[in-house]
């Protein structure tokens, strides 16, 4: 692994991962939740300027600190911008001592066999080299599972690990994210089949390690074997549409699992808040998620 200090911090230190990686189609929804209406921008460029301003406000907040936050996931547009005169990843690590990750997936394919695979990632090798150059420690890549379909789940896991090997070869830490939808009627069975499919791939990693980003499980403690697996650096949980209080309650029932929340982290923040109110709201969210991640 390219940066041993970052690896040790990511694998062992307390805290959670801030997911600040909304991009493309998810950005307008994130901005609406932040109090910015669609009518307040007239182009994609303006939209991304506004979301970068919002992310900069979060990252530079005095409450956004490394004593509670281990890492932050960015999308490529953020990685290529500056925060206080530094590249975003450089700012996160050099100023905040927070480990930077890059979202590399390009969205989801159409649903088939109860899953949505990742779309092809054009010029993947160049993107990974760019991530290294810009100071990212690792990557994050998302698929979605809508039901306990063995064929679909096997396809998701196969695609995820094929990509993870390329990420590892580039000297980066992959966060593998096969999300199980919280709307799935057979969610528990889908989680069982997902874990069953993941373990053989982990067993063939040799001395390499990956991270896993998984939906909060139906059965508390269900990911214990994955958390303890010698080829897993960390298992982190996505909030998956749960509000912050419910997500934290579920997280606290899973020892060793830490948060990688997005909507649940940003809940209550608004563009029209003054700095004091903004920082208080963000601090409340960070503290609650941090406490739930300590179990």
Protein backbone atom coordinates (compact mmCIF):
# COMPACT_ATOMS: atom_id res chain seq x y z
CA UNK A 1 0.00 0.00 0.00
CA UNK A 2 1.33 3.39 -1.04
CA UNK A 3 0.95 5.27 2.26
CA UNK A 4 1.58 3.11 5.34
CA UNK A 5 0.54 5.83 7.80
CA UNK A 6 -2.82 6.22 6.07
CA UNK A 7 -3.27 2.46 5.93
CA UNK A 8 -2.59 2.05 9.65
CA UNK A 9 -4.95 4.89 10.47
CA UNK A 10 -7.73 3.55 8.27
CA UNK A 11 -7.42 0.01 9.57
CA UNK A 12 -7.03 0.63 13.31
CA UNK A 13 -8.15 4.08 14.45
CA UNK A 14 -11.60 4.90 15.85
CA UNK A 15 -13.92 7.10 13.84
CA UNK A 16 -16.05 6.90 10.71
CA UNK A 17 -16.01 7.73 7.00
CA UNK A 18 -17.77 10.85 5.71
CA UNK A 19 -19.33 10.09 2.32
CA UNK A 20 -19.24 13.38 0.40
CA UNK A 21 -19.38 11.82 -3.05
CA UNK A 22 -22.75 12.77 -4.56
CA UNK A 23 -22.27 13.28 -8.27
CA UNK A 24 -24.23 13.55 -11.50
CA UNK A 25 -27.88 12.71 -10.96
CA UNK A 26 -27.64 12.61 -7.15
CA UNK A 27 -26.37 16.19 -6.80
CA UNK A 28 -29.68 18.04 -7.36
CA UNK A 29 -31.34 15.93 -4.66
CA UNK A 30 -28.45 16.62 -2.28
CA UNK A 31 -28.68 20.35 -2.99
CA UNK A 32 -32.45 20.40 -2.41
CA UNK A 33 -31.87 18.77 0.99
CA UNK A 34 -29.30 21.52 1.63
CA UNK A 35 -31.88 24.20 0.83
CA UNK A 36 -30.74 25.01 -2.73
CA UNK A 37 -33.56 24.84 -5.26
CA UNK A 38 -33.05 23.71 -8.87
CA UNK A 39 -33.94 27.25 -9.98
CA UNK A 40 -30.85 28.63 -8.22
CA UNK A 41 -28.51 27.32 -10.93
CA UNK A 42 -28.84 27.15 -14.69
CA UNK A 43 -26.10 24.72 -15.72
CA UNK A 44 -24.27 21.63 -14.53
CA UNK A 45 -21.14 23.74 -14.02
CA UNK A 46 -23.02 26.09 -11.67
CA UNK A 47 -24.52 23.11 -9.85
CA UNK A 48 -21.09 21.61 -9.20
CA UNK A 49 -19.74 25.01 -8.08
CA UNK A 50 -22.50 25.18 -5.47
CA UNK A 51 -21.99 21.62 -4.24
CA UNK A 52 -18.24 22.23 -3.99
CA UNK A 53 -18.90 25.32 -1.87
CA UNK A 54 -21.12 23.20 0.38
CA UNK A 55 -18.51 20.45 0.69
CA UNK A 56 -15.78 22.99 1.38
CA UNK A 57 -17.90 24.45 4.18
CA UNK A 58 -18.27 20.98 5.71
CA UNK A 59 -14.63 19.94 5.36
CA UNK A 60 -13.21 23.26 6.65
CA UNK A 61 -15.61 23.40 9.60
CA UNK A 62 -13.76 23.35 12.93
CA UNK A 63 -15.89 20.37 14.01
CA UNK A 64 -14.86 18.26 11.00
CA UNK A 65 -11.74 16.79 12.61
CA UNK A 66 -9.65 13.65 12.61
CA UNK A 67 -10.44 12.73 16.21
CA UNK A 68 -13.86 11.53 15.02
CA UNK A 69 -13.56 11.26 11.23
CA UNK A 70 -11.19 8.70 9.70
CA UNK A 71 -11.76 9.35 6.04
CA UNK A 72 -13.81 11.16 3.43
CA UNK A 73 -15.07 9.89 0.08
CA UNK A 74 -14.98 12.45 -2.72
CA UNK A 75 -16.15 12.39 -6.30
CA UNK A 76 -13.79 13.21 -9.15
CA UNK A 77 -14.98 16.80 -9.52
CA UNK A 78 -14.09 17.49 -5.88
CA UNK A 79 -10.74 15.71 -6.17
CA UNK A 80 -9.79 18.05 -9.01
CA UNK A 81 -10.72 21.23 -7.10
CA UNK A 82 -8.98 23.12 -4.33
CA UNK A 83 -9.86 23.75 -0.70
CA UNK A 84 -8.10 26.74 0.84
CA UNK A 85 -5.51 26.72 -1.94
CA UNK A 86 -4.70 23.00 -1.74
CA UNK A 87 -5.94 20.06 -3.74
CA UNK A 88 -8.92 18.54 -1.94
CA UNK A 89 -7.18 15.24 -1.06
CA UNK A 90 -4.04 17.07 0.02
CA UNK A 91 -6.11 19.36 2.25
CA UNK A 92 -7.90 16.44 3.87
CA UNK A 93 -4.68 14.62 4.74
CA UNK A 94 -2.14 17.43 5.27
CA UNK A 95 -4.41 19.81 7.15
CA UNK A 96 -7.06 17.56 8.70
CA UNK A 97 -5.26 14.17 8.85
CA UNK A 98 -8.34 12.58 7.27
CA UNK A 99 -7.79 9.80 4.73
CA UNK A 100 -9.10 10.70 1.23
CA UNK A 101 -10.96 8.27 -1.04
CA UNK A 102 -12.31 8.71 -4.58
CA UNK A 103 -15.63 7.39 -5.88
CA UNK A 104 -14.75 5.79 -9.22
CA UNK A 105 -17.95 4.10 -10.36
CA UNK A 106 -19.93 5.83 -13.10
CA UNK A 107 -23.37 4.87 -11.89
CA UNK A 108 -25.54 1.80 -12.27
CA UNK A 109 -26.65 -0.33 -15.20
CA UNK A 110 -30.30 -1.24 -15.70
CA UNK A 111 -31.75 -3.77 -13.30
CA UNK A 112 -31.27 -7.42 -14.26
CA UNK A 113 -31.50 -10.57 -12.12
CA UNK A 114 -32.57 -8.34 -9.19
CA UNK A 115 -29.31 -6.38 -9.21
CA UNK A 116 -27.76 -3.32 -10.79
CA UNK A 117 -24.17 -3.80 -11.83
CA UNK A 118 -21.76 -0.90 -12.24
CA UNK A 119 -21.57 0.72 -15.63
CA UNK A 120 -18.30 0.41 -17.50
CA UNK A 121 -15.63 2.83 -16.29
CA UNK A 122 -13.94 4.40 -19.33
CA UNK A 123 -10.17 4.84 -19.15
CA UNK A 124 -10.02 3.14 -15.75
CA UNK A 125 -6.22 2.89 -15.65
CA UNK A 126 -5.90 6.62 -16.32
CA UNK A 127 -8.49 7.38 -13.64
CA UNK A 128 -6.64 5.28 -11.06
CA UNK A 129 -3.33 6.91 -11.96
CA UNK A 130 -4.99 10.30 -11.61
CA UNK A 131 -6.31 9.32 -8.17
CA UNK A 132 -2.80 8.40 -7.06
CA UNK A 133 -1.39 11.63 -8.49
CA UNK A 134 -4.00 13.74 -6.70
CA UNK A 135 -3.31 12.06 -3.36
CA UNK A 136 -6.22 9.65 -2.90
CA UNK A 137 -5.56 6.69 -0.62
CA UNK A 138 -8.33 4.52 -1.98
CA UNK A 139 -11.46 4.22 -4.08
CA UNK A 140 -15.14 3.44 -3.60
CA UNK A 141 -17.35 1.60 -6.10
CA UNK A 142 -21.09 0.88 -5.70
CA UNK A 143 -23.49 -1.77 -7.01
CA UNK A 144 -27.05 -2.41 -5.78
CA UNK A 145 -28.79 -5.67 -4.90
CA UNK A 146 -32.60 -5.61 -4.91
CA UNK A 147 -33.29 -9.22 -4.02
CA UNK A 148 -31.83 -12.57 -3.01
CA UNK A 149 -31.12 -13.69 -6.56
CA UNK A 150 -28.09 -15.97 -6.48
CA UNK A 151 -27.08 -15.32 -10.09
CA UNK A 152 -27.36 -11.55 -9.72
CA UNK A 153 -25.47 -11.45 -6.42
CA UNK A 154 -22.69 -13.63 -7.83
CA UNK A 155 -22.41 -11.25 -10.80
CA UNK A 156 -22.20 -8.23 -8.50
CA UNK A 157 -19.47 -9.77 -6.36
CA UNK A 158 -17.49 -10.98 -9.37
CA UNK A 159 -17.57 -7.51 -10.95
CA UNK A 160 -16.66 -5.82 -7.69
CA UNK A 161 -13.63 -8.01 -7.04
CA UNK A 162 -12.44 -7.82 -10.65
CA UNK A 163 -12.39 -4.05 -10.22
CA UNK A 164 -10.85 -4.29 -6.75
CA UNK A 165 -7.86 -6.20 -8.15
CA UNK A 166 -7.19 -3.40 -10.61
CA UNK A 167 -7.48 -0.84 -7.84
CA UNK A 168 -5.03 -2.80 -5.70
CA UNK A 169 -2.63 -3.09 -8.63
CA UNK A 170 -2.66 0.71 -8.85
CA UNK A 171 -1.57 0.96 -5.21
CA UNK A 172 -4.95 2.05 -3.87
CA UNK A 173 -7.33 0.64 -1.25
CA UNK A 174 -10.69 -0.43 -2.74
CA UNK A 175 -13.88 0.04 -0.76
CA UNK A 176 -16.17 -2.58 -2.28
CA UNK A 177 -19.82 -1.51 -1.99
CA UNK A 178 -22.44 -4.12 -2.94
CA UNK A 179 -25.41 -2.32 -1.36
CA UNK A 180 -28.44 -4.40 -0.45
CA UNK A 181 -31.53 -2.23 -0.80
CA UNK A 182 -33.37 -1.70 2.48
CA UNK A 183 -36.56 -2.03 0.38
CA UNK A 184 -35.77 -5.64 -0.59
CA UNK A 185 -38.52 -7.93 0.71
CA UNK A 186 -35.96 -10.70 1.23
CA UNK A 187 -33.20 -8.40 2.54
CA UNK A 188 -31.94 -10.86 5.17
CA UNK A 189 -31.63 -13.69 2.65
CA UNK A 190 -29.89 -11.35 0.20
CA UNK A 191 -27.37 -10.41 2.91
CA UNK A 192 -26.75 -14.08 3.67
CA UNK A 193 -26.11 -14.87 0.00
CA UNK A 194 -23.92 -11.81 -0.38
CA UNK A 195 -21.63 -12.80 2.49
CA UNK A 196 -21.46 -16.35 1.15
CA UNK A 197 -20.36 -14.98 -2.23
CA UNK A 198 -17.80 -12.53 -0.81
CA UNK A 199 -15.81 -14.88 1.44
CA UNK A 200 -14.19 -17.04 -1.31
CA UNK A 201 -12.95 -13.90 -3.04
CA UNK A 202 -11.44 -12.65 0.21
CA UNK A 203 -9.76 -16.00 0.76
CA UNK A 204 -7.91 -15.64 -2.57
CA UNK A 205 -6.45 -12.19 -1.94
CA UNK A 206 -3.17 -13.53 -0.56
CA UNK A 207 -1.63 -10.80 1.61
CA UNK A 208 -3.71 -8.00 0.10
CA UNK A 209 -6.56 -6.31 1.93
CA UNK A 210 -9.76 -4.63 0.84
CA UNK A 211 -12.49 -2.72 2.62
CA UNK A 212 -16.20 -3.49 2.42
CA UNK A 213 -19.09 -1.01 2.51
CA UNK A 214 -22.31 -2.85 3.30
CA UNK A 215 -25.91 -2.10 4.18
CA UNK A 216 -26.73 -2.12 7.88
CA UNK A 217 -27.66 -5.79 8.43
CA UNK A 218 -31.06 -7.15 9.38
CA UNK A 219 -29.50 -9.41 12.03
CA UNK A 220 -27.20 -7.55 14.46
CA UNK A 221 -23.60 -8.76 14.29
CA UNK A 222 -24.16 -10.54 10.97
CA UNK A 223 -20.91 -9.19 9.47
CA UNK A 224 -18.72 -10.33 12.37
CA UNK A 225 -16.86 -12.92 10.28
CA UNK A 226 -16.15 -10.35 7.57
CA UNK A 227 -14.91 -7.83 10.15
CA UNK A 228 -12.54 -10.47 11.55
CA UNK A 229 -11.33 -11.73 8.15
CA UNK A 230 -7.56 -11.26 7.74
CA UNK A 231 -7.97 -9.82 4.24
CA UNK A 232 -10.45 -7.12 5.30
CA UNK A 233 -8.98 -3.81 6.42
CA UNK A 234 -12.33 -2.40 7.51
CA UNK A 235 -16.06 -2.98 7.18
CA UNK A 236 -18.10 0.22 6.98
CA UNK A 237 -21.85 0.67 6.81
CA UNK A 238 -23.96 2.80 4.52
CA UNK A 239 -27.10 4.41 5.90
CA UNK A 240 -29.13 3.22 2.91
CA UNK A 241 -32.01 5.66 3.30
CA UNK A 242 -32.48 5.31 7.05
CA UNK A 243 -32.61 8.63 8.88
CA UNK A 244 -29.71 9.42 11.18
CA UNK A 245 -31.29 8.27 14.44
CA UNK A 246 -32.39 4.91 13.04
CA UNK A 247 -29.10 4.39 11.22
CA UNK A 248 -27.14 5.10 14.40
CA UNK A 249 -29.36 2.78 16.43
CA UNK A 250 -28.80 -0.06 13.97
CA UNK A 251 -25.07 0.68 13.71
CA UNK A 252 -24.61 0.55 17.48
CA UNK A 253 -25.94 -3.01 17.47
CA UNK A 254 -23.00 -4.16 15.31
CA UNK A 255 -19.64 -4.26 17.15
CA UNK A 256 -16.67 -3.50 14.90
CA UNK A 257 -18.79 -1.92 12.16
CA UNK A 258 -18.24 1.80 11.53
CA UNK A 259 -20.31 4.31 9.59
CA UNK A 260 -19.79 5.60 6.08
CA UNK A 261 -22.83 7.84 6.00
CA UNK A 262 -23.86 10.50 3.49
CA UNK A 263 -27.48 11.64 3.88
CA UNK A 264 -27.47 10.72 7.57
CA UNK A 265 -24.32 12.83 8.10
CA UNK A 266 -25.65 15.90 6.28
CA UNK A 267 -29.13 15.78 7.80
CA UNK A 268 -30.22 19.20 9.08
CA UNK A 269 -27.55 21.25 7.28
CA UNK A 270 -28.74 24.20 5.23
CA UNK A 271 -27.10 26.78 2.98
CA UNK A 272 -28.84 29.62 4.80
CA UNK A 273 -27.52 28.70 8.25
CA UNK A 274 -25.00 31.02 9.86
CA UNK A 275 -21.61 29.53 10.71
CA UNK A 276 -22.41 28.94 14.37
CA UNK A 277 -25.68 27.12 13.64
CA UNK A 278 -24.12 25.19 10.77
CA UNK A 279 -21.21 24.01 12.94
CA UNK A 280 -23.53 23.08 15.85
CA UNK A 281 -25.75 21.04 13.55
CA UNK A 282 -22.78 19.30 11.91
CA UNK A 283 -21.17 18.66 15.30
CA UNK A 284 -24.34 17.01 16.62
CA UNK A 285 -24.43 14.72 13.59
CA UNK A 286 -20.72 13.87 13.75
CA UNK A 287 -20.82 13.13 17.47
CA UNK A 288 -23.85 10.85 17.21
CA UNK A 289 -22.39 8.89 14.28
CA UNK A 290 -18.99 8.68 15.98
CA UNK A 291 -20.52 7.30 19.20
CA UNK A 292 -22.49 4.70 17.25
CA UNK A 293 -19.29 3.67 15.45
CA UNK A 294 -17.40 3.01 18.70
CA UNK A 295 -19.26 -0.17 19.69
